[in-house]
Amino acid sequence: MSTEKTGIGQVIFTSFKPIIKMAAVGGGGVIFARKGYLTPESCKANASLIMNLLLPLLIFSTVLPAFDSGNMESVLAVVITGSFYQVLGLSFGLIVRWLTPTPKSWKGGVLAAGAFSNLGDLVISYISTLAKSAPFDPDKDVAKGIAYASIFMVVQLTAIFNLGGLQLIKRDFDPRPEVLLDTVNLVSRLASARRKTPGVPGSRLSCELNQTMTSSSEGISPACEVPTTPAMPAATAAVLEGLGRPLSSSSPRHPDIQTTAATTTIPEIPNSQAPTIADSSSASPPTPTPISLRIWTALKPLLTPPSLSLVFSLVIANVPYLKALFVHTPTVPTTKIPNAPDDKPPLDFIMEIATFSGPCVPVLGMLLLGAALSRLSMNNLPKGFWKAAVLMALLKLVLGPIIGIAWTTQLKKRTNWIDPNDKILEFVMIISSGAPTATSNVYLTNIFAPLGEECLEMSALSA
């Protein structure tokens, strides 16, 4: 490790290097997106590739060599710190939502923007550059710092996908209860008109229903012309017309849900046999779910590739004879586990695969971030929304690092979880407290956003 005194010029130059590196790669993503190479579909596919293949390989290649039974306290410090930062960010989101004007349809998104930070490609880019110079040890601290950042990522991904964080974003795109209530009331009135006067068309009510459904999906209200046939009474045609047209003329709020109301053939039901609420309430109760199935349903979301990779890596790292199969371990002599013909551990080829593929994560992440930013717009935002953007930036980028420094300092003084000589751990914990909103919020908002429409939620997130 270098002991020479570092000048202010070297510090500034070294600090700007990762910014230039990220801007260059992100700018490439912007260019390729505008040329049509990084389409939304390809970005979603690449995001899935990162989450399910490359990130687990990065975690395995960095965590396994960096940890053993002697420094597991550091893992505990990272997990607790990552959880604390998410709770802190969630409180930042609540403060912004209470004190500033935010869109009514972005109530959960503002909480997600505060709670989830860019602990992946951004932090890893800083570590891979700054850890190569003093006061860090380039031979050890680069891999160890990336390992710490990977654990931060796993903690956050667990909160997003396994502990309900995803619902904060998804709820913004769910149909509003008041719109659903108005629609149900109109359908009830149409059904009542059908029973009382079968020969009278309910065109006025169907127009009302059509406008209600269309306004809820922000589409254009189609003409209320209801063709009737002898096989389909007017009121029934009105119900089908009012329900079918808006759903077929506008894209759904959730693209992964296929809507079939417009193409479903509904046979005429005699008035005497019309189902009622009492009939449905008297139906047989559902079959109880076995306890084993409930346990599996609760544990299944935790079995994601990044989580499994972290668990396997930590288990192997704490068992010397297993670790010696992948990397050289001083505590296990080669007489116990002979080397391969190339004088490397027997399973070193697995480490080479992981080491070769894992570093693609920050590069692909910055490309996808640039592609997402190239498609963002800030239209239709409420008046004074700039206050929300400024307050969120001040809380996350100014107050957050101050709290992070105080938290890391006190954790180091009051516990033995942080080795005083482990400077890279302190650096990762502090820099993670000042990271901006996670790029995964952009991916997830894109998934739930309606296709072909200007998305207010995406505009708010881009601000």
Protein backbone atom coordinates (compact mmCIF):
# COMPACT_ATOMS: atom_id res chain seq x y z
CA MET A 1 0.00 0.00 0.00
CA SER A 2 1.27 3.43 -0.90
CA THR A 3 2.20 5.69 2.01
CA GLU A 4 2.98 8.84 0.00
CA LYS A 5 0.99 11.94 0.78
CA THR A 6 -1.75 12.54 -1.77
CA GLY A 7 -2.13 16.06 -3.16
CA ILE A 8 -5.44 17.82 -3.72
CA GLY A 9 -4.90 17.78 -7.48
CA GLN A 10 -4.53 14.02 -7.54
CA VAL A 11 -7.64 13.63 -5.39
CA ILE A 12 -9.75 15.80 -7.72
CA PHE A 13 -8.43 14.08 -10.84
CA THR A 14 -8.99 10.62 -9.39
CA SER A 15 -12.52 11.57 -8.32
CA PHE A 16 -13.47 12.77 -11.78
CA LYS A 17 -12.21 9.66 -13.56
CA PRO A 18 -15.18 7.41 -12.62
CA ILE A 19 -17.62 10.21 -13.50
CA ILE A 20 -16.11 10.54 -16.98
CA LYS A 21 -16.10 6.77 -17.36
CA MET A 22 -19.78 6.43 -16.44
CA ALA A 23 -20.79 9.41 -18.58
CA ALA A 24 -19.03 7.94 -21.61
CA VAL A 25 -20.71 4.55 -21.29
CA GLY A 26 -24.09 6.10 -20.48
CA GLY A 27 -23.75 8.40 -23.47
CA GLY A 28 -23.19 5.34 -25.62
CA GLY A 29 -26.48 3.98 -24.34
CA VAL A 30 -28.23 7.21 -25.33
CA ILE A 31 -26.79 7.09 -28.86
CA PHE A 32 -27.64 3.44 -29.44
CA ALA A 33 -31.15 3.92 -28.07
CA ARG A 34 -31.85 6.83 -30.43
CA LYS A 35 -30.53 4.80 -33.35
CA GLY A 36 -32.96 2.02 -32.49
CA TYR A 37 -30.48 -0.61 -31.30
CA LEU A 38 -31.46 -0.45 -27.61
CA THR A 39 -35.24 -0.72 -27.86
CA PRO A 40 -37.41 -1.03 -24.72
CA GLU A 41 -37.79 -4.75 -25.43
CA SER A 42 -34.04 -5.32 -25.72
CA CYS A 43 -33.42 -3.27 -22.57
CA LYS A 44 -35.83 -5.44 -20.61
CA ALA A 45 -34.12 -8.57 -21.95
CA ASN A 46 -30.69 -7.24 -20.99
CA ALA A 47 -31.94 -6.28 -17.53
CA SER A 48 -33.17 -9.85 -17.06
CA LEU A 49 -29.77 -11.11 -18.26
CA ILE A 50 -28.03 -8.96 -15.65
CA MET A 51 -30.28 -10.05 -12.81
CA ASN A 52 -30.34 -13.78 -13.56
CA LEU A 53 -26.86 -14.50 -14.92
CA LEU A 54 -24.22 -11.77 -14.75
CA LEU A 55 -24.95 -10.42 -11.27
CA PRO A 56 -24.83 -13.89 -9.63
CA LEU A 57 -21.49 -14.50 -11.36
CA LEU A 58 -20.17 -11.13 -10.13
CA ILE A 59 -21.24 -11.92 -6.57
CA PHE A 60 -19.63 -15.36 -6.69
CA SER A 61 -16.33 -14.12 -8.15
CA THR A 62 -15.93 -11.33 -5.58
CA VAL A 63 -17.49 -12.66 -2.37
CA LEU A 64 -15.84 -16.09 -2.31
CA PRO A 65 -12.17 -14.92 -2.37
CA ALA A 66 -12.76 -11.87 -0.16
CA PHE A 67 -14.41 -13.47 2.87
CA ASP A 68 -13.67 -16.19 5.37
CA SER A 69 -14.68 -17.05 8.90
CA GLY A 70 -12.48 -14.26 10.26
CA ASN A 71 -14.28 -11.32 8.64
CA MET A 72 -17.93 -12.35 8.65
CA GLU A 73 -18.64 -9.42 10.99
CA SER A 74 -18.12 -7.19 7.96
CA VAL A 75 -20.97 -8.95 6.14
CA LEU A 76 -23.24 -8.34 9.13
CA ALA A 77 -22.26 -4.66 9.13
CA VAL A 78 -23.10 -4.35 5.42
CA VAL A 79 -26.48 -6.08 5.77
CA ILE A 80 -27.54 -3.94 8.73
CA THR A 81 -26.25 -0.77 7.10
CA GLY A 82 -28.04 -1.55 3.84
CA SER A 83 -31.31 -2.10 5.71
CA PHE A 84 -30.82 1.14 7.65
CA TYR A 85 -30.20 3.12 4.46
CA GLN A 86 -33.42 1.81 2.93
CA VAL A 87 -35.46 2.79 5.97
CA LEU A 88 -33.76 6.19 5.91
CA GLY A 89 -34.55 6.61 2.22
CA LEU A 90 -38.15 5.60 2.79
CA SER A 91 -38.44 8.35 5.39
CA PHE A 92 -36.98 10.78 2.83
CA GLY A 93 -39.71 9.75 0.40
CA LEU A 94 -42.40 10.32 3.03
CA ILE A 95 -41.02 13.79 3.77
CA VAL A 96 -41.06 14.70 0.07
CA ARG A 97 -44.60 13.37 -0.35
CA TRP A 98 -45.89 15.31 2.65
CA LEU A 99 -44.15 18.65 2.07
CA THR A 100 -44.13 19.07 -1.71
CA PRO A 101 -46.68 18.76 -4.55
CA THR A 102 -46.37 15.30 -6.11
CA PRO A 103 -48.72 13.70 -8.65
CA LYS A 104 -51.59 11.73 -7.14
CA SER A 105 -50.63 8.74 -9.29
CA TRP A 106 -47.02 8.79 -8.03
CA LYS A 107 -47.58 8.28 -4.31
CA GLY A 108 -45.78 4.94 -4.18
CA GLY A 109 -43.16 5.88 -6.76
CA VAL A 110 -41.84 8.76 -4.67
CA LEU A 111 -41.35 6.36 -1.74
CA ALA A 112 -39.49 3.91 -3.99
CA ALA A 113 -37.35 6.75 -5.36
CA GLY A 114 -36.27 7.59 -1.82
CA ALA A 115 -35.85 4.05 -0.49
CA PHE A 116 -33.92 2.42 -3.33
CA SER A 117 -30.55 3.85 -4.37
CA ASN A 118 -28.11 3.08 -7.17
CA LEU A 119 -25.91 0.69 -5.21
CA GLY A 120 -24.86 -1.32 -8.25
CA ASP A 121 -23.19 0.06 -11.35
CA LEU A 122 -22.60 3.53 -9.87
CA VAL A 123 -20.89 2.39 -6.65
CA ILE A 124 -18.96 -0.37 -8.42
CA SER A 125 -17.67 2.13 -10.98
CA TYR A 126 -16.34 4.35 -8.20
CA ILE A 127 -14.76 1.43 -6.37
CA SER A 128 -13.06 -0.02 -9.44
CA THR A 129 -11.36 3.35 -10.06
CA LEU A 130 -10.70 4.87 -6.64
CA ALA A 131 -9.59 1.65 -4.91
CA LYS A 132 -6.58 1.45 -7.22
CA SER A 133 -4.91 4.43 -5.55
CA ALA A 134 -3.94 5.44 -2.00
CA PRO A 135 -4.98 4.94 0.73
CA PHE A 136 -6.34 1.63 -0.58
CA ASP A 137 -4.50 -1.56 -1.50
CA PRO A 138 -5.05 -2.19 -5.23
CA ASP A 139 -4.23 -5.89 -4.91
CA LYS A 140 -7.00 -6.63 -2.41
CA ASP A 141 -9.35 -3.70 -1.96
CA VAL A 142 -10.78 -3.61 -5.49
CA ALA A 143 -12.21 -7.13 -5.29
CA LYS A 144 -13.20 -6.70 -1.65
CA GLY A 145 -14.94 -3.38 -2.33
CA ILE A 146 -16.93 -4.88 -5.21
CA ALA A 147 -17.88 -7.75 -2.91
CA TYR A 148 -19.21 -5.29 -0.31
CA ALA A 149 -21.14 -3.42 -3.00
CA SER A 150 -22.60 -6.70 -4.26
CA ILE A 151 -23.91 -7.48 -0.79
CA PHE A 152 -25.53 -4.04 -0.65
CA MET A 153 -27.18 -4.85 -3.98
CA VAL A 154 -28.50 -8.20 -2.74
CA VAL A 155 -29.98 -6.55 0.36
CA GLN A 156 -31.78 -4.00 -1.79
CA LEU A 157 -32.97 -6.54 -4.35
CA THR A 158 -34.36 -8.66 -1.52
CA ALA A 159 -36.34 -5.65 -0.30
CA ILE A 160 -37.63 -4.88 -3.81
CA PHE A 161 -38.61 -8.33 -5.03
CA ASN A 162 -39.12 -10.33 -1.84
CA LEU A 163 -40.34 -7.88 0.81
CA GLY A 164 -42.93 -5.92 -1.16
CA GLY A 165 -40.90 -2.97 -2.42
CA LEU A 166 -42.08 -3.70 -5.95
CA GLN A 167 -45.67 -2.99 -4.88
CA LEU A 168 -44.79 0.66 -4.24
CA ILE A 169 -44.27 1.10 -7.98
CA LYS A 170 -47.00 -1.27 -9.12
CA ARG A 171 -49.77 0.39 -7.10
CA ASP A 172 -49.35 3.64 -9.00
CA PHE A 173 -50.62 1.85 -12.12
CA ASP A 174 -53.51 -0.04 -10.51
CA PRO A 175 -57.04 1.18 -11.41
CA ARG A 176 -58.27 3.79 -8.96
CA PRO A 177 -61.05 2.57 -6.62
CA GLU A 178 -63.37 5.48 -7.40
CA VAL A 179 -63.25 4.70 -11.13
CA LEU A 180 -64.00 1.05 -10.49
CA LEU A 181 -66.93 1.99 -8.22
CA ASP A 182 -68.44 4.27 -10.86
CA THR A 183 -68.10 1.52 -13.45
CA VAL A 184 -69.79 -1.05 -11.21
CA ASN A 185 -72.68 1.34 -10.53
CA LEU A 186 -73.21 1.97 -14.24
CA VAL A 187 -73.15 -1.75 -15.04
CA SER A 188 -75.70 -2.33 -12.28
CA ARG A 189 -77.98 0.34 -13.76
CA LEU A 190 -77.65 -1.21 -17.22
CA ALA A 191 -78.55 -4.63 -15.87
CA SER A 192 -81.56 -3.17 -14.05
CA ALA A 193 -82.75 -1.44 -17.24
CA ARG A 194 -82.35 -4.71 -19.14
CA ARG A 195 -84.56 -6.61 -16.69
CA LYS A 196 -87.29 -3.96 -16.54
CA THR A 197 -87.54 -2.93 -20.20
CA PRO A 198 -85.88 -5.50 -22.45
CA GLY A 199 -86.85 -3.69 -25.66
CA VAL A 200 -85.49 -0.27 -24.72
CA PRO A 201 -81.83 0.29 -25.60
CA GLY A 202 -79.61 1.65 -22.87
CA SER A 203 -77.53 3.82 -25.16
CA ARG A 204 -77.33 6.77 -22.77
CA LEU A 205 -76.06 4.59 -19.93
CA SER A 206 -73.66 2.81 -22.26
CA CYS A 207 -72.24 6.18 -23.32
CA GLU A 208 -71.78 7.03 -19.66
CA LEU A 209 -70.05 3.71 -19.02
CA ASN A 210 -67.93 4.11 -22.12
CA GLN A 211 -66.73 7.54 -21.03
CA THR A 212 -65.98 6.32 -17.51
CA MET A 213 -63.90 3.38 -18.73
CA THR A 214 -62.14 5.51 -21.32
CA SER A 215 -61.28 8.28 -18.89
CA SER A 216 -59.79 5.75 -16.49
CA SER A 217 -57.38 4.59 -19.19
CA GLU A 218 -56.71 8.14 -20.48
CA GLY A 219 -57.87 7.23 -23.96
CA ILE A 220 -60.20 9.03 -26.41
CA SER A 221 -63.89 8.38 -25.98
CA PRO A 222 -65.24 6.49 -29.00
CA ALA A 223 -68.62 7.16 -30.55
CA CYS A 224 -71.55 5.66 -28.69
CA GLU A 225 -73.15 3.83 -31.60
CA VAL A 226 -74.56 0.55 -30.37
CA PRO A 227 -75.64 -1.84 -33.12
CA THR A 228 -78.38 -4.19 -32.01
CA THR A 229 -79.51 -7.51 -33.46
CA PRO A 230 -82.43 -9.76 -32.64
CA ALA A 231 -80.03 -12.22 -31.01
CA MET A 232 -78.57 -9.52 -28.77
CA PRO A 233 -80.93 -7.19 -26.88
CA ALA A 234 -80.05 -3.52 -26.80
CA ALA A 235 -79.04 -3.37 -23.16
CA THR A 236 -76.73 -6.37 -23.53
CA ALA A 237 -75.18 -4.80 -26.62
CA ALA A 238 -74.72 -1.58 -24.69
CA VAL A 239 -72.87 -3.39 -21.92
CA LEU A 240 -70.59 -5.14 -24.42
CA GLU A 241 -70.07 -1.93 -26.39
CA GLY A 242 -69.26 0.12 -23.30
CA LEU A 243 -66.92 -2.49 -21.85
CA GLY A 244 -65.30 -3.65 -25.06
CA ARG A 245 -64.37 -0.52 -26.95
CA PRO A 246 -62.11 1.26 -24.49
CA LEU A 247 -60.24 -1.91 -23.66
CA SER A 248 -59.53 -2.60 -27.30
CA SER A 249 -58.68 0.98 -28.24
CA SER A 250 -56.16 1.69 -25.54
CA SER A 251 -53.25 -0.24 -24.19
CA PRO A 252 -53.65 -1.89 -20.78
CA ARG A 253 -52.08 -0.45 -17.67
CA HIS A 254 -50.18 -3.69 -17.18
CA PRO A 255 -48.75 -4.99 -20.45
CA ASP A 256 -48.28 -8.48 -19.07
CA ILE A 257 -52.02 -8.89 -18.50
CA GLN A 258 -54.00 -9.90 -21.58
CA THR A 259 -57.46 -8.34 -21.83
CA THR A 260 -60.13 -10.44 -23.52
CA ALA A 261 -63.33 -8.61 -22.65
CA ALA A 262 -63.73 -7.18 -26.13
CA THR A 263 -63.60 -10.58 -27.84
CA THR A 264 -65.56 -12.67 -25.36
CA THR A 265 -68.95 -13.94 -26.49
CA ILE A 266 -71.51 -13.61 -23.70
CA PRO A 267 -74.70 -15.62 -24.18
CA GLU A 268 -77.99 -14.04 -23.20
CA ILE A 269 -79.13 -14.99 -19.72
CA PRO A 270 -82.83 -15.00 -18.94
CA ASN A 271 -83.90 -12.47 -16.35
CA SER A 272 -85.15 -15.12 -14.00
CA GLN A 273 -81.76 -16.78 -13.93
CA ALA A 274 -79.61 -13.67 -13.54
CA PRO A 275 -76.95 -14.24 -10.88
CA THR A 276 -77.14 -12.15 -7.74
CA ILE A 277 -74.77 -11.30 -4.93
CA ALA A 278 -76.61 -13.70 -2.66
CA ASP A 279 -76.05 -16.54 -5.14
CA SER A 280 -72.32 -15.87 -5.33
CA SER A 281 -72.00 -15.56 -1.57
CA SER A 282 -73.60 -18.97 -1.08
CA ALA A 283 -70.99 -20.71 -3.24
CA SER A 284 -68.83 -23.39 -1.66
CA PRO A 285 -65.72 -22.06 0.15
CA PRO A 286 -62.31 -22.63 -1.47
CA THR A 287 -60.24 -25.64 -0.53
CA PRO A 288 -57.73 -24.84 2.25
CA THR A 289 -54.13 -24.56 1.11
CA PRO A 290 -51.72 -27.10 2.68
CA ILE A 291 -49.18 -25.71 5.13
CA SER A 292 -46.27 -27.02 3.07
CA LEU A 293 -47.55 -25.13 0.02
CA ARG A 294 -47.89 -21.95 2.08
CA ILE A 295 -44.31 -22.30 3.33
CA TRP A 296 -43.04 -22.89 -0.21
CA THR A 297 -45.00 -19.87 -1.48
CA ALA A 298 -43.39 -17.71 1.22
CA LEU A 299 -39.85 -18.98 0.58
CA LYS A 300 -39.97 -19.17 -3.22
CA PRO A 301 -39.41 -15.41 -3.79
CA LEU A 302 -36.23 -15.62 -1.71
CA LEU A 303 -34.73 -18.17 -4.10
CA THR A 304 -33.60 -15.61 -6.66
CA PRO A 305 -30.27 -16.14 -8.46
CA PRO A 306 -28.46 -13.22 -6.72
CA SER A 307 -29.64 -14.37 -3.28
CA LEU A 308 -28.66 -17.99 -3.93
CA SER A 309 -25.28 -16.91 -5.28
CA LEU A 310 -24.58 -14.88 -2.13
CA VAL A 311 -25.60 -17.73 0.17
CA PHE A 312 -23.52 -20.32 -1.69
CA SER A 313 -20.53 -17.97 -1.85
CA LEU A 314 -20.59 -17.27 1.88
CA VAL A 315 -21.00 -20.96 2.74
CA ILE A 316 -18.08 -21.99 0.52
CA ALA A 317 -15.94 -19.09 1.81
CA ASN A 318 -16.40 -20.25 5.42
CA VAL A 319 -15.48 -23.90 4.74
CA PRO A 320 -11.71 -23.98 4.04
CA TYR A 321 -11.70 -27.27 2.15
CA LEU A 322 -14.53 -26.14 -0.13
CA LYS A 323 -12.88 -22.77 -0.68
CA ALA A 324 -9.60 -24.48 -1.59
CA LEU A 325 -11.36 -26.07 -4.58
CA PHE A 326 -11.80 -22.64 -6.15
CA VAL A 327 -8.93 -20.46 -4.84
CA HIS A 328 -5.64 -21.05 -3.07
CA THR A 329 -6.12 -21.09 0.71
CA PRO A 330 -3.13 -20.88 3.10
CA THR A 331 -4.85 -23.06 5.70
CA VAL A 332 -5.31 -25.98 3.29
CA PRO A 333 -2.08 -27.53 1.96
CA THR A 334 -1.91 -28.84 -1.57
CA THR A 335 -1.26 -32.31 -0.20
CA LYS A 336 -4.87 -32.40 0.98
CA ILE A 337 -6.38 -31.03 -2.24
CA PRO A 338 -3.97 -31.39 -5.18
CA ASN A 339 -3.84 -28.72 -7.84
CA ALA A 340 -4.98 -29.17 -11.41
CA PRO A 341 -2.36 -29.79 -14.15
CA ASP A 342 -1.97 -26.01 -14.57
CA ASP A 343 -1.00 -25.64 -10.87
CA LYS A 344 -4.30 -23.99 -10.03
CA PRO A 345 -7.16 -25.23 -7.81
CA PRO A 346 -9.29 -27.99 -9.34
CA LEU A 347 -12.35 -25.78 -9.88
CA ASP A 348 -10.46 -22.66 -10.84
CA PHE A 349 -12.13 -22.71 -14.27
CA ILE A 350 -15.45 -21.86 -12.58
CA MET A 351 -13.84 -18.84 -10.96
CA GLU A 352 -12.41 -17.83 -14.34
CA ILE A 353 -15.89 -17.97 -15.91
CA ALA A 354 -17.32 -15.84 -13.10
CA THR A 355 -14.39 -13.42 -13.16
CA PHE A 356 -14.66 -13.04 -16.92
CA SER A 357 -18.45 -12.46 -17.00
CA GLY A 358 -19.11 -10.58 -13.76
CA PRO A 359 -17.48 -7.24 -14.68
CA CYS A 360 -20.03 -6.84 -17.49
CA VAL A 361 -22.65 -5.83 -14.90
CA PRO A 362 -21.66 -2.15 -14.42
CA VAL A 363 -21.04 -1.67 -18.15
CA LEU A 364 -24.42 -3.07 -19.20
CA GLY A 365 -26.07 -1.23 -16.33
CA MET A 366 -24.75 2.14 -17.50
CA LEU A 367 -25.75 1.38 -21.11
CA LEU A 368 -29.30 0.57 -20.01
CA LEU A 369 -29.38 3.70 -17.85
CA GLY A 370 -28.39 5.85 -20.82
CA ALA A 371 -31.00 4.15 -23.00
CA ALA A 372 -33.69 4.74 -20.38
CA LEU A 373 -32.73 8.39 -19.93
CA SER A 374 -32.95 8.97 -23.69
CA ARG A 375 -36.64 8.03 -23.61
CA LEU A 376 -37.63 10.03 -20.54
CA SER A 377 -39.73 13.19 -20.68
CA MET A 378 -40.92 15.63 -18.03
CA ASN A 379 -44.35 16.56 -19.35
CA ASN A 380 -47.66 17.02 -17.52
CA LEU A 381 -46.01 17.48 -14.13
CA PRO A 382 -47.97 19.45 -11.53
CA LYS A 383 -47.10 23.05 -10.85
CA GLY A 384 -44.31 23.36 -8.31
CA PHE A 385 -43.04 19.81 -8.80
CA TRP A 386 -39.50 21.18 -8.97
CA LYS A 387 -39.70 21.54 -5.19
CA ALA A 388 -40.10 17.78 -4.84
CA ALA A 389 -37.11 17.11 -7.12
CA VAL A 390 -34.89 19.60 -5.29
CA LEU A 391 -35.90 18.37 -1.84
CA MET A 392 -35.31 14.72 -2.79
CA ALA A 393 -31.86 15.61 -4.17
CA LEU A 394 -30.93 17.52 -1.02
CA LEU A 395 -32.09 14.72 1.26
CA LYS A 396 -30.41 11.86 -0.64
CA LEU A 397 -27.24 13.57 -1.85
CA VAL A 398 -26.51 16.01 0.99
CA LEU A 399 -28.19 14.86 4.20
CA GLY A 400 -27.78 11.16 3.37
CA PRO A 401 -23.95 11.20 3.26
CA ILE A 402 -23.81 13.18 6.52
CA ILE A 403 -25.93 10.56 8.24
CA GLY A 404 -23.89 7.82 6.55
CA ILE A 405 -20.61 9.21 7.88
CA ALA A 406 -22.04 9.50 11.40
CA TRP A 407 -23.51 5.99 11.19
CA THR A 408 -20.25 4.42 9.97
CA THR A 409 -18.16 6.26 12.57
CA GLN A 410 -20.38 5.22 15.47
CA LEU A 411 -20.65 1.65 14.19
CA LYS A 412 -16.87 1.47 14.10
CA LYS A 413 -16.49 2.90 17.61
CA ARG A 414 -19.26 0.98 19.38
CA THR A 415 -19.00 -2.45 17.73
CA ASN A 416 -16.30 -4.77 16.44
CA TRP A 417 -18.03 -5.28 13.09
CA ILE A 418 -15.68 -2.93 11.22
CA ASP A 419 -11.96 -3.65 11.20
CA PRO A 420 -10.07 -0.35 11.77
CA ASN A 421 -7.70 -1.33 8.93
CA ASP A 422 -10.52 -2.12 6.50
CA LYS A 423 -10.70 1.28 4.84
CA ILE A 424 -12.52 0.00 1.76
CA LEU A 425 -15.45 -1.14 3.91
CA GLU A 426 -15.81 2.33 5.43
CA PHE A 427 -15.57 3.86 1.96
CA VAL A 428 -18.29 1.60 0.51
CA MET A 429 -20.61 2.21 3.47
CA ILE A 430 -20.23 5.99 3.20
CA ILE A 431 -20.49 6.28 -0.58
CA SER A 432 -23.57 4.05 -0.60
CA SER A 433 -25.34 6.53 1.67
CA GLY A 434 -25.09 9.25 -1.00
CA ALA A 435 -26.13 7.29 -4.09
CA PRO A 436 -28.99 8.67 -6.23
CA THR A 437 -32.19 6.82 -7.07
CA ALA A 438 -31.71 3.28 -8.38
CA THR A 439 -31.81 2.62 -12.11
CA SER A 440 -33.98 -0.42 -11.34
CA ASN A 441 -36.81 2.04 -10.61
CA VAL A 442 -36.66 3.07 -14.26
CA TYR A 443 -36.80 -0.55 -15.45
CA LEU A 444 -39.72 -1.43 -13.18
CA THR A 445 -41.68 1.71 -14.03
CA ASN A 446 -41.20 0.90 -17.72
CA ILE A 447 -42.58 -2.59 -17.14
CA PHE A 448 -45.81 -1.40 -15.52
CA ALA A 449 -46.29 1.75 -17.60
CA PRO A 450 -48.92 1.63 -20.39
CA LEU A 451 -47.50 1.22 -23.86
CA GLY A 452 -47.86 4.04 -26.35
CA GLU A 453 -48.90 6.68 -23.80
CA GLU A 454 -47.13 9.54 -22.06
CA CYS A 455 -46.46 8.26 -18.58
CA LEU A 456 -46.79 10.83 -15.80
CA GLU A 457 -45.07 8.50 -13.36
CA MET A 458 -42.04 8.16 -15.63
CA SER A 459 -41.89 11.92 -16.11
CA ALA A 460 -41.87 12.43 -12.34
CA LEU A 461 -39.14 9.82 -11.90
CA SER A 462 -36.98 11.44 -14.60
CA ALA A 463 -37.20 14.80 -12.83
